[in-house]
């Protein structure tokens, strides 16, 4: 059946300068034509991580034939997972290639993450990023590297070598600033070496809803008389708003403008963790509240469907920067150290993805044994 293209909320967001990337990657979506239909409806990219792949492999039969393939019979589960992931990312990147070409390399990207267990190891992260970049062999792929302090040098060096990098697990404006400066420094290094920069792309993935989850928990711990109770559900978007304000500052002025004649593109902020964790909050609030130019929002499929059904589209990300400052100042005066919140969330994020990776290998091991027993 031919997909009938209609005007969607994704198209409306594009008119605001924001691209929607799907926070999901499943083989069935690629082969069924579902992904093609989403692209026709305005989808501009996809992201993946070990949690996403774990669910895709565990909850479907899409990968059974590849797992049974005699050619991989002696492979370790790590090797098998990487082959499955690389094949999916290549196939998805090929579907997005027309978007990539139509936008002259500005959009149409698919992301794959280095092993999250390497988040505190600069050299190992860079080595795996290089290997994945070579193995996938698509210009519209981004390698995801966590924005930990140990990741900053790997990010800068990877970009300087010509990779596209998606910096993930960013929770603080401080860490956002560091990876934005790493991007600018990498472009400067390439220009100084006489290398092109017009097709170097990067996004800085700034996590949202998890911030409210952690801050709300700390406010609740202060008891029913906490002076911060009115800040519940407010801090995540205030924090993201200030990150966007810093983005506008960093990608302006003489240093950045010196790169523009060489075709430099801004490193877009990407809003991650946009599904609402607290059912008391609106189900699309983290999408509606962070709309603005030169941004990406990553959305799980079920949240995207909700947004298409009843989401509102208007520029919101910078409508109250002063209010965002007031919220963060009030949080500090009320005894909650946001730097500590960010450190906790970073550690939780690394651990969550590392645990998902280990669980994924177990799922592959069990599924492999089950399929072999049926043969």
Protein backbone atom coordinates (compact mmCIF):
# COMPACT_ATOMS: atom_id res chain seq x y z
CA UNK A 1 0.00 0.00 0.00
CA UNK A 2 1.32 3.42 -0.95
CA UNK A 3 1.80 5.75 1.99
CA UNK A 4 -0.23 8.93 1.65
CA UNK A 5 1.90 11.83 2.81
CA UNK A 6 0.11 14.33 5.01
CA UNK A 7 1.15 17.46 6.89
CA UNK A 8 2.27 16.27 10.31
CA UNK A 9 3.47 17.77 13.57
CA UNK A 10 6.96 16.68 12.50
CA UNK A 11 6.62 18.95 9.47
CA UNK A 12 5.43 21.74 11.77
CA UNK A 13 8.48 21.27 13.99
CA UNK A 14 10.74 21.45 10.93
CA UNK A 15 9.23 24.85 10.18
CA UNK A 16 10.39 25.87 13.67
CA UNK A 17 13.93 24.67 12.87
CA UNK A 18 13.67 21.46 14.90
CA UNK A 19 14.26 17.96 13.55
CA UNK A 20 12.59 14.88 15.01
CA UNK A 21 14.71 11.77 15.41
CA UNK A 22 13.12 8.52 16.50
CA UNK A 23 14.47 7.11 19.75
CA UNK A 24 14.12 3.57 18.48
CA UNK A 25 15.72 1.23 15.95
CA UNK A 26 14.23 -2.16 15.12
CA UNK A 27 14.83 -4.35 12.10
CA UNK A 28 11.11 -4.96 11.63
CA UNK A 29 10.50 -1.24 11.25
CA UNK A 30 13.08 -1.09 8.45
CA UNK A 31 11.92 -4.10 6.43
CA UNK A 32 8.18 -3.51 6.84
CA UNK A 33 8.19 -0.03 5.31
CA UNK A 34 7.18 1.62 8.59
CA UNK A 35 10.41 3.61 8.67
CA UNK A 36 9.92 4.81 5.09
CA UNK A 37 6.44 6.04 6.01
CA UNK A 38 7.81 7.93 9.02
CA UNK A 39 10.47 9.55 6.85
CA UNK A 40 7.77 10.66 4.41
CA UNK A 41 5.93 12.15 7.39
CA UNK A 42 8.94 14.27 8.37
CA UNK A 43 11.22 12.04 10.46
CA UNK A 44 14.83 13.19 10.09
CA UNK A 45 16.93 10.59 11.93
CA UNK A 46 17.16 7.75 14.46
CA UNK A 47 19.10 6.95 17.59
CA UNK A 48 19.94 3.63 19.20
CA UNK A 49 21.50 2.41 22.42
CA UNK A 50 21.92 -0.96 24.17
CA UNK A 51 18.53 -0.64 25.88
CA UNK A 52 16.78 -0.15 22.55
CA UNK A 53 18.56 -3.11 20.94
CA UNK A 54 17.88 -5.30 23.98
CA UNK A 55 14.14 -4.73 23.62
CA UNK A 56 14.20 -5.16 19.85
CA UNK A 57 15.99 -8.51 19.97
CA UNK A 58 14.20 -9.89 23.04
CA UNK A 59 10.66 -8.94 22.03
CA UNK A 60 10.55 -9.99 18.38
CA UNK A 61 11.51 -12.73 15.94
CA UNK A 62 13.06 -10.17 13.56
CA UNK A 63 16.58 -11.31 14.34
CA UNK A 64 16.04 -15.07 14.60
CA UNK A 65 17.25 -15.89 11.08
CA UNK A 66 20.41 -13.83 11.53
CA UNK A 67 21.09 -15.47 14.91
CA UNK A 68 20.65 -18.95 13.36
CA UNK A 69 22.97 -18.14 10.44
CA UNK A 70 25.66 -20.88 10.35
CA UNK A 71 28.25 -18.23 9.43
CA UNK A 72 28.05 -16.79 12.97
CA UNK A 73 27.73 -20.08 14.84
CA UNK A 74 31.09 -19.80 16.59
CA UNK A 75 30.95 -16.10 17.34
CA UNK A 76 30.90 -14.65 20.83
CA UNK A 77 27.67 -12.85 21.71
CA UNK A 78 29.51 -9.51 21.65
CA UNK A 79 30.54 -10.11 18.04
CA UNK A 80 27.06 -11.29 17.12
CA UNK A 81 25.39 -8.26 18.68
CA UNK A 82 27.73 -5.90 16.90
CA UNK A 83 26.97 -7.54 13.55
CA UNK A 84 23.21 -7.27 14.16
CA UNK A 85 23.52 -3.64 15.25
CA UNK A 86 25.85 -2.65 12.41
CA UNK A 87 23.57 -4.27 9.82
CA UNK A 88 20.55 -2.39 11.23
CA UNK A 89 22.35 0.94 11.38
CA UNK A 90 23.59 0.55 7.82
CA UNK A 91 20.10 -0.31 6.56
CA UNK A 92 18.51 2.60 8.44
CA UNK A 93 21.22 5.00 7.24
CA UNK A 94 20.51 3.94 3.67
CA UNK A 95 16.82 4.77 4.18
CA UNK A 96 17.78 8.22 5.48
CA UNK A 97 20.40 8.84 2.79
CA UNK A 98 18.02 10.87 0.58
CA UNK A 99 17.34 13.18 3.55
CA UNK A 100 21.07 13.50 4.15
CA UNK A 101 21.73 14.41 0.51
CA UNK A 102 18.74 16.75 0.22
CA UNK A 103 19.95 18.70 3.25
CA UNK A 104 23.60 18.70 2.10
CA UNK A 105 24.63 16.63 5.09
CA UNK A 106 22.72 18.62 7.70
CA UNK A 107 20.27 15.87 8.67
CA UNK A 108 19.31 12.26 8.06
CA UNK A 109 21.59 10.63 10.66
CA UNK A 110 21.47 7.29 12.48
CA UNK A 111 23.38 6.91 15.75
CA UNK A 112 25.13 3.89 17.25
CA UNK A 113 26.75 3.88 20.68
CA UNK A 114 30.17 2.71 21.76
CA UNK A 115 30.13 0.13 24.56
CA UNK A 116 28.92 2.14 27.59
CA UNK A 117 31.33 0.26 29.83
CA UNK A 118 34.06 2.36 28.18
CA UNK A 119 32.58 5.69 29.32
CA UNK A 120 35.49 6.35 31.71
CA UNK A 121 38.20 5.24 29.26
CA UNK A 122 39.23 7.86 26.71
CA UNK A 123 41.47 5.71 24.53
CA UNK A 124 39.18 2.67 24.48
CA UNK A 125 36.16 4.84 23.60
CA UNK A 126 38.04 6.44 20.73
CA UNK A 127 39.32 3.09 19.46
CA UNK A 128 35.80 1.63 19.41
CA UNK A 129 34.40 4.75 17.76
CA UNK A 130 37.02 4.49 15.01
CA UNK A 131 36.26 0.82 14.47
CA UNK A 132 32.49 1.31 14.28
CA UNK A 133 32.89 4.31 11.96
CA UNK A 134 35.02 2.25 9.56
CA UNK A 135 32.86 -0.84 9.78
CA UNK A 136 29.54 0.88 9.12
CA UNK A 137 30.95 2.94 6.30
CA UNK A 138 28.10 5.40 5.88
CA UNK A 139 28.55 9.20 5.86
CA UNK A 140 25.22 9.76 7.65
CA UNK A 141 26.07 7.75 10.76
CA UNK A 142 26.89 9.29 14.13
CA UNK A 143 28.96 7.48 16.75
CA UNK A 144 27.61 8.04 20.27
CA UNK A 145 30.21 8.79 22.93
CA UNK A 146 29.19 9.72 26.49
CA UNK A 147 29.95 13.31 27.45
CA UNK A 148 31.89 12.35 30.57
CA UNK A 149 35.10 14.19 31.40
CA UNK A 150 36.99 11.18 30.05
CA UNK A 151 34.94 11.38 26.87
CA UNK A 152 35.75 14.99 26.02
CA UNK A 153 39.16 14.24 24.50
CA UNK A 154 37.80 11.23 22.60
CA UNK A 155 35.02 13.39 21.20
CA UNK A 156 37.37 16.16 20.07
CA UNK A 157 39.84 13.76 18.49
CA UNK A 158 37.11 11.74 16.76
CA UNK A 159 35.61 14.87 15.25
CA UNK A 160 39.03 16.12 14.18
CA UNK A 161 39.54 12.78 12.41
CA UNK A 162 36.34 13.32 10.43
CA UNK A 163 33.78 11.27 12.34
CA UNK A 164 30.27 12.49 13.10
CA UNK A 165 29.74 12.33 16.87
CA UNK A 166 26.58 12.26 18.97
CA UNK A 167 27.61 13.21 22.50
CA UNK A 168 25.26 11.45 24.89
CA UNK A 169 24.47 11.52 28.62
CA UNK A 170 24.71 15.28 29.10
CA UNK A 171 22.94 16.62 32.18
CA UNK A 172 24.67 19.89 33.05
CA UNK A 173 25.33 23.15 31.25
CA UNK A 174 28.97 22.81 32.36
CA UNK A 175 29.43 19.52 30.49
CA UNK A 176 27.43 20.83 27.54
CA UNK A 177 29.80 23.80 27.25
CA UNK A 178 32.81 21.47 27.32
CA UNK A 179 31.60 19.32 24.42
CA UNK A 180 30.52 22.34 22.38
CA UNK A 181 34.02 23.78 22.75
CA UNK A 182 35.47 20.38 21.83
CA UNK A 183 33.46 20.50 18.60
CA UNK A 184 34.66 24.00 17.75
CA UNK A 185 38.27 23.06 18.53
CA UNK A 186 38.01 19.99 16.30
CA UNK A 187 36.73 22.07 13.38
CA UNK A 188 39.57 24.56 13.91
CA UNK A 189 42.10 21.72 13.90
CA UNK A 190 40.73 20.41 10.61
CA UNK A 191 40.79 23.86 9.01
CA UNK A 192 44.38 24.40 10.19
CA UNK A 193 45.31 21.03 8.65
CA UNK A 194 43.65 21.94 5.35
CA UNK A 195 40.86 19.39 5.80
CA UNK A 196 37.19 19.98 4.93
CA UNK A 197 34.60 20.62 7.63
CA UNK A 198 31.38 21.21 5.70
CA UNK A 199 30.21 17.61 6.19
CA UNK A 200 31.31 17.23 9.83
CA UNK A 201 28.22 16.93 12.00
CA UNK A 202 27.63 16.61 15.72
CA UNK A 203 24.78 16.81 18.21
CA UNK A 204 24.95 17.29 21.97
CA UNK A 205 22.35 15.03 23.60
CA UNK A 206 21.01 16.82 26.65
CA UNK A 207 18.79 14.62 28.84
CA UNK A 208 15.55 16.06 30.13
CA UNK A 209 12.92 14.01 31.99
CA UNK A 210 15.45 12.09 34.07
CA UNK A 211 16.46 15.43 35.61
CA UNK A 212 12.98 16.01 36.98
CA UNK A 213 12.82 12.44 38.28
CA UNK A 214 16.00 12.90 40.33
CA UNK A 215 15.30 16.47 41.48
CA UNK A 216 11.71 15.67 42.44
CA UNK A 217 12.98 12.75 44.53
CA UNK A 218 15.36 15.08 46.38
CA UNK A 219 12.62 17.63 46.96
CA UNK A 220 10.31 14.94 48.34
CA UNK A 221 13.11 13.84 50.67
CA UNK A 222 13.04 17.29 52.25
CA UNK A 223 9.56 16.56 53.53
CA UNK A 224 6.10 18.08 53.04
CA UNK A 225 7.25 21.50 54.21
CA UNK A 226 10.06 21.81 51.66
CA UNK A 227 10.23 25.33 50.20
CA UNK A 228 11.03 23.74 46.85
CA UNK A 229 7.78 21.83 46.33
CA UNK A 230 6.64 24.28 43.66
CA UNK A 231 9.78 23.46 41.66
CA UNK A 232 8.76 19.85 41.11
CA UNK A 233 8.60 19.18 37.37
CA UNK A 234 10.20 22.55 36.55
CA UNK A 235 13.94 21.99 36.75
CA UNK A 236 14.53 19.77 33.71
CA UNK A 237 13.24 22.28 31.18
CA UNK A 238 14.85 25.20 33.00
CA UNK A 239 18.18 23.39 32.79
CA UNK A 240 17.67 22.65 29.07
CA UNK A 241 16.63 26.24 28.43
CA UNK A 242 19.92 27.46 29.92
CA UNK A 243 21.85 24.94 27.82
CA UNK A 244 20.16 26.37 24.73
CA UNK A 245 21.04 29.90 25.82
CA UNK A 246 24.66 28.81 26.17
CA UNK A 247 24.48 27.22 22.71
CA UNK A 248 23.41 30.54 21.23
CA UNK A 249 26.35 32.26 22.95
CA UNK A 250 28.98 29.70 21.92
CA UNK A 251 27.96 29.53 18.27
CA UNK A 252 28.27 33.26 17.73
CA UNK A 253 31.08 35.77 17.83
CA UNK A 254 34.49 35.98 16.13
CA UNK A 255 35.77 32.48 16.96
CA UNK A 256 32.75 30.73 15.45
CA UNK A 257 32.34 33.18 12.60
CA UNK A 258 35.91 32.46 11.46
CA UNK A 259 34.78 28.90 10.65
CA UNK A 260 31.70 29.84 8.65
CA UNK A 261 33.52 30.47 5.33
CA UNK A 262 34.65 26.83 5.46
CA UNK A 263 31.07 25.55 5.73
CA UNK A 264 30.91 24.93 9.49
CA UNK A 265 27.56 23.89 10.90
CA UNK A 266 26.49 24.40 14.48
CA UNK A 267 26.51 21.45 16.84
CA UNK A 268 22.81 21.17 17.51
CA UNK A 269 21.46 20.54 21.00
CA UNK A 270 19.48 17.31 21.00
CA UNK A 271 16.78 16.79 23.62
CA UNK A 272 16.94 13.22 24.90
CA UNK A 273 14.81 11.40 27.47
CA UNK A 274 11.70 13.26 26.31
CA UNK A 275 9.09 10.73 27.39
CA UNK A 276 7.37 11.72 30.62
CA UNK A 277 8.34 9.56 33.60
CA UNK A 278 5.81 11.06 36.04
CA UNK A 279 2.20 10.42 34.95
CA UNK A 280 1.15 13.56 36.84
CA UNK A 281 2.89 15.62 34.15
CA UNK A 282 1.65 16.09 30.60
CA UNK A 283 2.65 13.24 28.30
CA UNK A 284 4.25 15.52 25.68
CA UNK A 285 5.42 18.38 27.91
CA UNK A 286 9.13 17.79 27.29
CA UNK A 287 8.58 18.09 23.55
CA UNK A 288 6.24 21.08 23.64
CA UNK A 289 8.46 23.01 26.05
CA UNK A 290 11.74 22.72 24.11
CA UNK A 291 10.92 23.74 20.55
CA UNK A 292 13.32 26.08 18.78
CA UNK A 293 15.72 26.62 15.88
CA UNK A 294 18.81 24.47 15.36
CA UNK A 295 17.65 21.71 17.69
CA UNK A 296 16.79 18.02 17.52
CA UNK A 297 14.23 16.24 19.65
CA UNK A 298 14.44 12.47 20.03
CA UNK A 299 11.11 10.80 20.66
CA UNK A 300 10.11 7.18 21.33
CA UNK A 301 7.46 5.96 18.90
CA UNK A 302 4.59 5.87 21.39
CA UNK A 303 5.36 9.44 22.55
CA UNK A 304 5.60 10.58 18.93
CA UNK A 305 2.13 9.20 18.27
CA UNK A 306 0.79 11.07 21.29
CA UNK A 307 2.46 14.27 20.13
CA UNK A 308 1.01 13.89 16.65
CA UNK A 309 -2.40 13.43 18.26
CA UNK A 310 -2.46 16.35 20.69
CA UNK A 311 0.89 18.13 20.85
CA UNK A 312 1.21 21.86 20.37
CA UNK A 313 3.86 23.48 18.16
CA UNK A 314 5.29 26.91 18.96
CA UNK A 315 8.75 28.28 19.70
CA UNK A 316 9.21 27.73 23.43
CA UNK A 317 12.83 26.88 24.20
CA UNK A 318 13.95 30.46 24.80
CA UNK A 319 10.75 32.22 25.79
CA UNK A 320 11.69 32.55 29.47
CA UNK A 321 15.44 32.37 30.01
CA UNK A 322 15.20 34.70 33.02
CA UNK A 323 12.64 32.36 34.58
CA UNK A 324 14.96 29.40 34.01
CA UNK A 325 17.72 31.23 35.89
CA UNK A 326 15.33 31.92 38.76
CA UNK A 327 14.37 28.25 39.01
CA UNK A 328 17.98 27.07 39.13
CA UNK A 329 18.89 29.79 41.65
CA UNK A 330 15.93 28.81 43.86
CA UNK A 331 16.99 25.17 43.72
CA UNK A 332 20.46 26.05 44.99
CA UNK A 333 19.10 28.31 47.75
CA UNK A 334 16.81 25.48 48.81
CA UNK A 335 19.74 23.19 49.46
CA UNK A 336 19.86 21.03 46.32
CA UNK A 337 23.23 21.03 44.56
CA UNK A 338 22.48 20.60 40.86
CA UNK A 339 26.08 19.60 40.11
CA UNK A 340 25.50 16.66 42.42
CA UNK A 341 22.25 15.84 40.62
CA UNK A 342 24.10 15.81 37.28
CA UNK A 343 26.86 13.56 38.62
CA UNK A 344 24.30 11.10 39.97
CA UNK A 345 22.40 11.03 36.68
CA UNK A 346 25.57 10.52 34.68
CA UNK A 347 26.55 7.54 36.83
CA UNK A 348 23.03 6.13 36.64
CA UNK A 349 22.99 6.55 32.86
CA UNK A 350 26.31 4.80 32.37
CA UNK A 351 25.26 1.97 34.67
CA UNK A 352 21.83 1.61 33.02
CA UNK A 353 23.27 1.32 29.53
CA UNK A 354 26.07 -0.99 30.69
CA UNK A 355 23.53 -3.22 32.45
CA UNK A 356 21.38 -3.25 29.31
CA UNK A 357 24.43 -4.26 27.29
CA UNK A 358 25.13 -7.18 29.63
CA UNK A 359 21.46 -8.18 29.65
CA UNK A 360 21.43 -8.00 25.87
CA UNK A 361 24.31 -10.47 25.64
CA UNK A 362 22.39 -12.80 27.95
CA UNK A 363 19.26 -12.47 25.78
CA UNK A 364 21.31 -13.35 22.71
CA UNK A 365 22.83 -16.34 24.49
CA UNK A 366 19.43 -17.66 25.55
CA UNK A 367 17.77 -17.03 22.20
CA UNK A 368 20.64 -18.68 20.40
CA UNK A 369 20.31 -21.81 22.57
CA UNK A 370 16.52 -21.87 22.14
CA UNK A 371 16.74 -21.57 18.37
CA UNK A 372 19.42 -24.27 18.21
CA UNK A 373 17.22 -26.62 20.24
CA UNK A 374 14.38 -26.19 17.74
CA UNK A 375 16.60 -26.90 14.73
